[in-house]
N, C-alpha and C. Protein backbone atom coordinates (compact mmCIF):
# COMPACT_ATOMS: atom_id res chain seq x y z
N MET A 1 12.39 89.36 143.46
CA MET A 1 11.58 90.44 143.02
C MET A 1 10.48 90.39 142.05
N SER A 2 9.49 90.96 142.28
CA SER A 2 8.24 90.82 141.17
C SER A 2 8.62 91.69 139.94
N PRO A 3 8.25 91.13 138.82
CA PRO A 3 8.52 91.76 137.56
C PRO A 3 7.38 92.95 137.37
N TYR A 4 6.49 93.06 138.38
CA TYR A 4 5.51 94.12 138.51
C TYR A 4 5.75 94.96 139.60
N HIS A 5 5.21 96.35 139.38
CA HIS A 5 5.23 97.44 140.43
C HIS A 5 3.76 97.74 140.33
N LEU A 6 3.24 98.53 141.41
CA LEU A 6 1.99 98.98 141.41
C LEU A 6 1.97 100.57 141.32
N ALA A 7 1.14 101.01 140.27
CA ALA A 7 1.15 102.56 139.94
C ALA A 7 -0.19 102.97 140.56
N GLN A 8 -0.11 104.21 141.31
CA GLN A 8 -1.18 104.87 141.93
C GLN A 8 -1.48 106.17 141.53
N VAL A 9 -2.65 106.60 141.28
CA VAL A 9 -3.01 107.95 140.99
C VAL A 9 -4.07 108.47 141.92
N ASN A 10 -4.04 109.60 142.54
CA ASN A 10 -5.13 110.05 143.33
C ASN A 10 -5.04 111.60 143.11
N ILE A 11 -6.36 112.05 143.19
CA ILE A 11 -6.74 113.60 142.90
C ILE A 11 -7.40 114.05 144.12
N ALA A 12 -7.44 115.50 144.19
CA ALA A 12 -8.28 116.01 145.14
C ALA A 12 -8.59 117.38 144.63
N ARG A 13 -9.67 117.79 144.99
CA ARG A 13 -10.27 119.19 144.55
C ARG A 13 -10.17 120.13 145.91
N MET A 14 -9.32 121.10 146.03
CA MET A 14 -9.05 122.07 146.93
C MET A 14 -10.16 122.85 147.32
N LEU A 15 -10.34 123.30 148.35
CA LEU A 15 -11.26 124.18 148.92
C LEU A 15 -10.75 125.64 148.34
N ALA A 16 -9.44 125.78 148.21
CA ALA A 16 -9.04 127.07 148.00
C ALA A 16 -7.62 127.01 147.21
N PRO A 17 -7.14 127.81 146.64
CA PRO A 17 -5.85 127.77 145.94
C PRO A 17 -4.76 127.48 147.03
N LEU A 18 -3.84 126.91 146.72
CA LEU A 18 -2.71 126.48 147.55
C LEU A 18 -2.10 127.71 148.52
N GLU A 19 -2.13 128.87 147.96
CA GLU A 19 -1.60 130.06 148.52
C GLU A 19 -2.59 130.70 149.74
N ASN A 20 -3.72 130.10 149.60
CA ASN A 20 -4.88 130.61 150.57
C ASN A 20 -4.52 130.09 151.88
N PRO A 21 -4.76 130.92 152.93
CA PRO A 21 -4.53 130.67 154.37
C PRO A 21 -5.34 129.26 154.84
N LEU A 22 -6.37 129.00 154.10
CA LEU A 22 -7.41 127.82 154.45
C LEU A 22 -6.26 126.42 154.17
N MET A 23 -5.57 126.59 153.16
CA MET A 23 -4.67 125.49 152.76
C MET A 23 -3.37 125.43 153.45
N GLU A 24 -3.10 126.29 154.50
CA GLU A 24 -1.88 126.40 155.09
C GLU A 24 -1.39 125.23 155.85
N GLY A 25 -2.23 124.50 156.44
CA GLY A 25 -2.09 123.12 157.17
C GLY A 25 -1.75 122.25 156.21
N PHE A 26 -2.25 121.95 155.19
CA PHE A 26 -1.85 121.01 154.15
C PHE A 26 -0.51 121.28 153.53
N VAL A 27 -0.53 122.57 153.04
CA VAL A 27 1.03 122.98 152.40
C VAL A 27 2.01 122.88 153.46
N ALA A 28 1.95 123.29 154.61
CA ALA A 28 2.87 122.98 155.39
C ALA A 28 3.61 121.72 155.66
N ARG A 29 2.87 120.71 155.35
CA ARG A 29 3.21 119.19 155.64
C ARG A 29 3.81 118.59 154.29
N LEU A 30 3.54 119.22 153.21
CA LEU A 30 3.96 118.71 152.03
C LEU A 30 5.39 118.15 151.80
N ASP A 31 6.16 118.93 152.30
CA ASP A 31 7.75 118.49 152.20
C ASP A 31 7.86 117.28 153.13
N GLU A 32 7.48 117.26 154.23
CA GLU A 32 7.49 116.00 155.21
C GLU A 32 6.97 114.75 154.80
N ILE A 33 5.73 114.92 154.30
CA ILE A 33 4.94 113.91 153.68
C ILE A 33 5.83 113.35 152.48
N ASN A 34 5.93 114.06 151.70
CA ASN A 34 6.81 113.72 150.40
C ASN A 34 8.19 112.88 150.81
N ALA A 35 9.00 113.58 151.70
CA ALA A 35 10.18 113.04 152.22
C ALA A 35 9.67 111.65 152.74
N LEU A 36 8.76 111.42 153.59
CA LEU A 36 8.32 110.20 154.12
C LEU A 36 8.13 109.01 153.17
N ALA A 37 7.43 109.53 152.08
CA ALA A 37 7.18 108.53 150.90
C ALA A 37 8.46 108.16 150.28
N ASP A 38 9.48 109.14 149.97
CA ASP A 38 10.73 108.77 149.40
C ASP A 38 11.65 107.80 150.26
N ARG A 39 11.26 107.61 151.46
CA ARG A 39 12.23 106.84 152.27
C ARG A 39 11.36 105.69 152.72
N SER A 40 10.04 105.46 152.33
CA SER A 40 9.26 104.39 152.80
C SER A 40 9.72 103.15 152.13
N PRO A 41 9.65 101.98 153.01
CA PRO A 41 9.81 100.73 152.18
C PRO A 41 8.78 100.43 151.11
N GLY A 42 9.42 99.97 150.09
CA GLY A 42 8.45 99.59 148.85
C GLY A 42 8.25 100.71 147.86
N PHE A 43 8.81 102.12 148.10
CA PHE A 43 8.59 103.19 147.31
C PHE A 43 9.57 103.03 146.04
N VAL A 44 9.16 103.43 145.01
CA VAL A 44 9.83 103.29 143.69
C VAL A 44 10.06 104.78 143.07
N TRP A 45 8.94 105.43 142.97
CA TRP A 45 9.03 106.59 142.04
C TRP A 45 7.84 107.52 142.51
N ARG A 46 7.90 108.89 142.39
CA ARG A 46 6.74 109.84 142.40
C ARG A 46 6.73 110.91 141.41
N LEU A 47 5.84 111.22 140.87
CA LEU A 47 5.71 112.44 140.26
C LEU A 47 6.15 113.69 140.94
N GLN A 48 6.99 114.76 140.35
CA GLN A 48 7.31 115.69 141.09
C GLN A 48 7.99 116.94 140.20
N THR A 49 7.80 117.93 140.62
CA THR A 49 8.44 119.13 139.82
C THR A 49 9.82 119.36 140.41
N GLU A 50 10.55 120.29 139.90
CA GLU A 50 11.82 120.68 140.49
C GLU A 50 11.80 121.16 142.11
N ALA A 51 10.65 121.51 142.36
CA ALA A 51 10.45 121.74 143.95
C ALA A 51 10.21 120.53 144.75
N GLY A 52 10.14 119.47 144.24
CA GLY A 52 10.11 118.26 144.97
C GLY A 52 8.70 117.71 145.31
N ASN A 53 7.64 118.30 144.83
CA ASN A 53 6.44 117.79 145.00
C ASN A 53 5.55 118.00 143.56
N ALA A 54 4.24 117.53 143.58
CA ALA A 54 3.54 117.61 142.33
C ALA A 54 2.34 118.63 142.75
N ALA A 55 2.23 119.36 143.82
CA ALA A 55 1.18 120.17 144.18
C ALA A 55 0.78 121.20 142.94
N TYR A 56 1.69 121.56 142.18
CA TYR A 56 1.36 122.73 141.27
C TYR A 56 1.40 122.14 139.93
N ILE A 57 1.15 120.86 139.76
CA ILE A 57 1.06 120.19 138.46
C ILE A 57 -0.53 120.19 138.23
N ARG A 58 -1.01 120.66 137.04
CA ARG A 58 -2.47 120.69 137.06
C ARG A 58 -2.83 120.07 135.53
N PRO A 59 -2.96 118.82 135.69
CA PRO A 59 -3.45 118.15 134.30
C PRO A 59 -4.87 118.16 133.92
N TYR A 60 -5.60 118.74 134.66
CA TYR A 60 -6.95 119.00 134.43
C TYR A 60 -7.48 120.34 134.25
N GLU A 61 -8.47 120.75 133.72
CA GLU A 61 -9.09 122.00 133.34
C GLU A 61 -9.41 122.87 134.67
N ASP A 62 -9.87 122.05 135.63
CA ASP A 62 -10.11 122.47 136.98
C ASP A 62 -8.83 122.80 137.79
N ASP A 63 -8.54 123.82 137.87
CA ASP A 63 -7.00 124.33 138.50
C ASP A 63 -7.12 123.98 140.01
N ARG A 64 -8.29 123.58 140.60
CA ARG A 64 -8.14 123.34 142.10
C ARG A 64 -7.91 121.73 142.12
N ILE A 65 -7.90 121.10 141.06
CA ILE A 65 -7.53 119.68 141.16
C ILE A 65 -6.08 119.36 141.26
N ILE A 66 -5.69 118.84 142.50
CA ILE A 66 -4.30 118.47 142.60
C ILE A 66 -4.10 117.02 142.26
N PHE A 67 -2.92 116.61 141.95
CA PHE A 67 -2.52 115.23 141.23
C PHE A 67 -1.47 114.82 141.77
N ASN A 68 -1.67 113.46 142.23
CA ASN A 68 -0.58 112.55 142.71
C ASN A 68 -0.35 111.35 141.99
N LEU A 69 0.83 111.03 141.56
CA LEU A 69 1.07 109.89 140.83
C LEU A 69 2.33 109.34 141.49
N SER A 70 2.43 107.90 141.82
CA SER A 70 3.42 107.04 142.32
C SER A 70 3.47 105.83 141.98
N VAL A 71 4.68 105.09 142.15
CA VAL A 71 4.96 103.55 141.87
C VAL A 71 5.44 103.00 143.22
N TRP A 72 4.94 101.92 143.46
CA TRP A 72 5.34 101.14 144.62
C TRP A 72 5.55 99.81 144.30
N GLU A 73 6.33 98.97 145.16
CA GLU A 73 6.71 97.72 144.92
C GLU A 73 5.47 96.79 145.00
N SER A 74 4.57 96.94 145.92
CA SER A 74 3.61 96.20 146.22
C SER A 74 2.30 97.00 146.87
N VAL A 75 1.07 96.34 146.65
CA VAL A 75 -0.12 96.92 147.40
C VAL A 75 0.21 97.18 148.79
N GLU A 76 1.00 96.24 149.56
CA GLU A 76 1.00 95.86 150.82
C GLU A 76 1.86 97.24 151.36
N ARG A 77 2.93 97.46 150.61
CA ARG A 77 3.94 98.59 150.98
C ARG A 77 3.06 100.04 150.74
N LEU A 78 2.43 100.28 149.69
CA LEU A 78 1.65 101.41 149.53
C LEU A 78 0.58 101.60 150.59
N LYS A 79 -0.07 100.50 151.02
CA LYS A 79 -1.12 100.55 152.28
C LYS A 79 -0.35 101.16 153.53
N GLU A 80 0.74 100.58 153.74
CA GLU A 80 1.38 101.12 154.91
C GLU A 80 1.89 102.40 155.00
N TYR A 81 2.30 102.83 153.80
CA TYR A 81 2.55 104.27 153.76
C TYR A 81 1.29 105.04 153.96
N VAL A 82 0.28 104.87 153.25
CA VAL A 82 -1.05 105.49 153.25
C VAL A 82 -1.57 105.51 154.44
N TYR A 83 -1.61 104.34 155.07
CA TYR A 83 -2.67 104.30 156.21
C TYR A 83 -2.05 103.99 157.64
N ARG A 84 -0.82 103.93 157.60
CA ARG A 84 0.16 103.41 159.04
C ARG A 84 1.20 104.24 159.04
N SER A 85 1.22 105.44 158.55
CA SER A 85 2.43 106.26 158.70
C SER A 85 1.76 107.85 159.04
N ALA A 86 2.59 108.90 159.21
CA ALA A 86 2.05 110.25 159.32
C ALA A 86 1.05 110.54 158.12
N HIS A 87 1.40 109.94 157.03
CA HIS A 87 0.31 110.44 155.95
C HIS A 87 -1.04 110.33 156.32
N SER A 88 -1.39 109.20 157.21
CA SER A 88 -2.81 108.99 157.60
C SER A 88 -3.28 110.28 158.27
N GLU A 89 -2.53 111.05 158.87
CA GLU A 89 -3.06 112.33 159.56
C GLU A 89 -3.66 113.25 158.53
N LEU A 90 -2.92 113.16 157.32
CA LEU A 90 -3.64 114.08 156.26
C LEU A 90 -4.88 113.45 155.65
N ILE A 91 -5.11 112.24 155.77
CA ILE A 91 -6.36 111.64 155.09
C ILE A 91 -7.38 111.98 156.19
N ARG A 92 -7.10 111.92 157.54
CA ARG A 92 -8.04 112.20 158.61
C ARG A 92 -8.42 113.58 158.59
N GLY A 93 -7.67 114.41 158.01
CA GLY A 93 -7.84 115.92 158.15
C GLY A 93 -8.40 116.62 156.76
N ARG A 94 -8.46 115.57 155.71
CA ARG A 94 -8.70 116.01 154.23
C ARG A 94 -9.83 116.92 154.23
N SER A 95 -11.06 116.80 154.97
CA SER A 95 -12.09 117.49 154.70
C SER A 95 -11.94 119.19 155.14
N GLN A 96 -10.79 119.49 155.98
CA GLN A 96 -10.39 120.88 156.15
C GLN A 96 -9.89 121.55 155.01
N TRP A 97 -9.30 120.68 153.77
CA TRP A 97 -8.65 121.14 152.77
C TRP A 97 -9.40 120.83 151.32
N PHE A 98 -10.04 119.80 151.43
CA PHE A 98 -10.49 119.17 149.91
C PHE A 98 -12.04 118.92 150.10
N GLU A 99 -12.67 119.10 148.89
CA GLU A 99 -14.08 118.79 148.81
C GLU A 99 -14.22 117.27 148.63
N LYS A 100 -15.44 116.67 149.06
CA LYS A 100 -15.65 115.21 148.81
C LYS A 100 -16.10 115.06 147.34
N PHE A 101 -15.36 114.02 146.73
CA PHE A 101 -15.62 113.54 145.32
C PHE A 101 -16.83 112.79 145.25
N ASP A 102 -17.74 112.71 144.28
CA ASP A 102 -18.86 111.71 144.15
C ASP A 102 -18.49 110.67 143.48
N GLY A 103 -17.16 110.29 143.33
CA GLY A 103 -16.88 109.05 142.71
C GLY A 103 -15.44 108.79 143.05
N PRO A 104 -14.86 107.75 142.35
CA PRO A 104 -13.51 107.39 142.73
C PRO A 104 -12.21 108.58 142.28
N TYR A 105 -11.67 108.83 143.21
CA TYR A 105 -10.48 109.86 143.19
C TYR A 105 -9.11 109.23 143.30
N MET A 106 -9.12 107.82 143.36
CA MET A 106 -7.79 107.15 143.27
C MET A 106 -8.03 105.78 142.46
N ALA A 107 -6.79 105.50 141.67
CA ALA A 107 -6.79 104.50 141.01
C ALA A 107 -5.48 103.53 141.15
N LEU A 108 -5.59 102.41 141.04
CA LEU A 108 -4.30 101.33 141.25
C LEU A 108 -4.42 100.64 140.05
N TRP A 109 -3.10 100.35 139.48
CA TRP A 109 -2.96 99.46 138.32
C TRP A 109 -1.33 98.87 138.26
N TRP A 110 -1.25 97.56 137.71
CA TRP A 110 -0.01 97.27 137.64
C TRP A 110 0.64 97.73 136.43
N VAL A 111 2.11 97.82 136.60
CA VAL A 111 3.09 98.14 135.52
C VAL A 111 4.04 97.35 135.56
N GLU A 112 4.91 97.18 134.50
CA GLU A 112 6.07 96.40 134.47
C GLU A 112 7.01 97.11 135.29
N ALA A 113 8.03 96.52 136.11
CA ALA A 113 8.96 97.04 136.95
C ALA A 113 9.74 97.99 136.04
N GLY A 114 10.12 99.06 136.46
CA GLY A 114 10.89 99.91 135.56
C GLY A 114 10.14 100.88 134.77
N HIS A 115 8.70 100.67 134.62
CA HIS A 115 7.92 101.60 133.72
C HIS A 115 7.50 102.74 134.71
N ILE A 116 7.67 104.00 134.14
CA ILE A 116 7.30 105.19 134.85
C ILE A 116 6.08 105.66 133.97
N PRO A 117 4.75 105.48 134.81
CA PRO A 117 3.66 105.89 134.12
C PRO A 117 3.54 107.48 133.70
N THR A 118 2.77 107.95 132.73
CA THR A 118 2.69 109.31 132.40
C THR A 118 1.34 109.68 133.10
N VAL A 119 1.33 111.12 133.16
CA VAL A 119 0.00 111.78 133.50
C VAL A 119 -1.10 111.38 132.80
N GLU A 120 -0.95 111.17 131.37
CA GLU A 120 -2.31 110.93 130.64
C GLU A 120 -2.44 109.53 130.78
N GLU A 121 -1.62 108.44 131.14
CA GLU A 121 -1.76 107.25 131.44
C GLU A 121 -2.68 106.91 132.70
N ALA A 122 -2.22 107.82 133.85
CA ALA A 122 -2.89 107.85 134.98
C ALA A 122 -4.32 108.40 134.88
N LYS A 123 -4.30 109.34 134.11
CA LYS A 123 -5.84 110.11 133.91
C LYS A 123 -6.74 108.98 133.24
N GLU A 124 -6.20 108.34 132.21
CA GLU A 124 -6.90 107.30 131.53
C GLU A 124 -7.45 106.07 132.74
N ARG A 125 -6.49 105.80 133.44
CA ARG A 125 -6.81 104.78 134.50
C ARG A 125 -7.91 105.20 135.32
N LEU A 126 -7.80 106.52 135.87
CA LEU A 126 -8.83 106.86 136.73
C LEU A 126 -10.24 107.16 136.04
N ASP A 127 -9.99 107.52 134.84
CA ASP A 127 -11.34 107.74 134.12
C ASP A 127 -12.07 106.38 133.74
N HIS A 128 -11.32 105.50 133.42
CA HIS A 128 -11.76 104.15 133.25
C HIS A 128 -12.32 103.55 134.56
N LEU A 129 -11.95 103.69 135.72
CA LEU A 129 -12.34 103.13 136.77
C LEU A 129 -13.84 104.08 137.09
N ARG A 130 -13.81 105.38 136.93
CA ARG A 130 -15.07 105.96 137.06
C ARG A 130 -16.09 105.55 136.03
N LYS A 131 -15.74 105.27 134.94
CA LYS A 131 -16.81 105.02 133.92
C LYS A 131 -17.21 103.60 134.01
N HIS A 132 -16.40 102.39 134.43
CA HIS A 132 -16.47 100.97 134.01
C HIS A 132 -16.32 100.46 135.41
N GLY A 133 -15.93 100.87 136.50
CA GLY A 133 -15.69 100.19 137.81
C GLY A 133 -14.60 99.36 137.81
N GLU A 134 -14.33 98.64 138.97
CA GLU A 134 -12.93 98.02 139.02
C GLU A 134 -12.84 96.73 138.16
N SER A 135 -11.50 96.73 137.68
CA SER A 135 -11.29 95.56 136.77
C SER A 135 -9.69 95.59 136.91
N GLU A 136 -9.06 94.66 136.19
CA GLU A 136 -7.53 94.68 136.17
C GLU A 136 -6.96 95.94 135.48
N PHE A 137 -7.79 96.48 135.02
CA PHE A 137 -7.12 97.75 134.16
C PHE A 137 -6.92 98.90 135.16
N ALA A 138 -7.97 98.88 136.19
CA ALA A 138 -8.02 100.03 137.07
C ALA A 138 -8.69 99.65 138.35
N PHE A 139 -8.03 99.65 139.59
CA PHE A 139 -8.87 99.12 140.92
C PHE A 139 -8.62 99.83 141.83
N SER A 140 -9.15 99.54 143.05
CA SER A 140 -8.88 100.27 144.21
C SER A 140 -8.45 99.29 145.35
N PHE A 141 -8.11 99.69 146.40
CA PHE A 141 -7.83 98.90 147.69
C PHE A 141 -8.97 98.03 148.03
N LYS A 142 -10.24 98.40 147.54
CA LYS A 142 -11.37 97.61 148.07
C LYS A 142 -11.25 95.98 147.22
N ARG A 143 -10.83 96.26 145.99
CA ARG A 143 -10.64 95.05 145.16
C ARG A 143 -9.42 94.84 144.54
N VAL A 144 -8.44 94.40 144.83
CA VAL A 144 -7.13 94.38 144.27
C VAL A 144 -7.01 93.26 143.38
N TYR A 145 -6.58 93.62 142.30
CA TYR A 145 -6.29 92.34 141.30
C TYR A 145 -4.83 91.87 141.25
N ALA A 146 -4.66 90.61 140.98
CA ALA A 146 -3.38 90.30 141.04
C ALA A 146 -2.56 90.75 139.78
N PRO A 147 -1.25 90.62 140.07
CA PRO A 147 -0.29 91.38 139.03
C PRO A 147 -0.56 90.47 137.84
N GLN A 148 -0.59 89.17 137.87
CA GLN A 148 -0.78 88.50 136.64
C GLN A 148 -1.80 88.95 135.80
N ALA A 149 -2.87 89.66 136.33
CA ALA A 149 -4.20 90.23 135.80
C ALA A 149 -3.62 91.25 134.73
N TYR A 150 -2.40 91.75 134.89
CA TYR A 150 -1.84 92.98 134.27
C TYR A 150 -1.69 92.65 132.77
N GLU A 151 -1.30 91.50 132.18
CA GLU A 151 -1.03 91.38 130.94
C GLU A 151 -2.49 91.92 130.15
N GLY A 152 -2.28 92.42 129.06
CA GLY A 152 -3.22 92.74 128.03
C GLY A 152 -3.89 94.09 128.58
N THR A 153 -3.31 94.67 129.77
CA THR A 153 -4.10 95.92 130.35
C THR A 153 -3.46 97.20 130.01
N HIS A 154 -2.29 97.23 128.95
CA HIS A 154 -1.76 98.42 128.76
C HIS A 154 -2.61 99.53 128.37
N SER A 155 -3.62 99.39 127.47
CA SER A 155 -4.30 100.55 127.04
C SER A 155 -5.87 99.97 126.92
N ARG A 156 -6.79 100.64 127.03
CA ARG A 156 -8.22 100.46 126.63
C ARG A 156 -8.89 101.55 125.73
């Protein structure tokens, strides 16, 4: 087993509050999609409240931004979940519920196996990707850095 795991953060700006009927199709699938992640091969951990999801965690001043943070064993396992499971249906339908961002809304980075990233750490990685582009500190599926590049990227 690798001494590294892959952390990922993604954010989305909702078109309306979660309680709004416009968001009903998204909210109705949260439990299903989170349970799918929990049992997916390669899944390690995800940020969640006692309710079992992170939909009500608001780490940004904009309360329409929802925040998702998780850890996976590998890029391949995360990609399988994101693009080859029922989760992909939400991606295809995201314009029904979310605004389009004008920059990165997802960041990946390597962590030592067993490390649980904090919300602040995730925000720092996403902000770094937005300001500086892809690097071993924060990257996307478009340009994946090897886990060995992780050394020395704990903070910037």
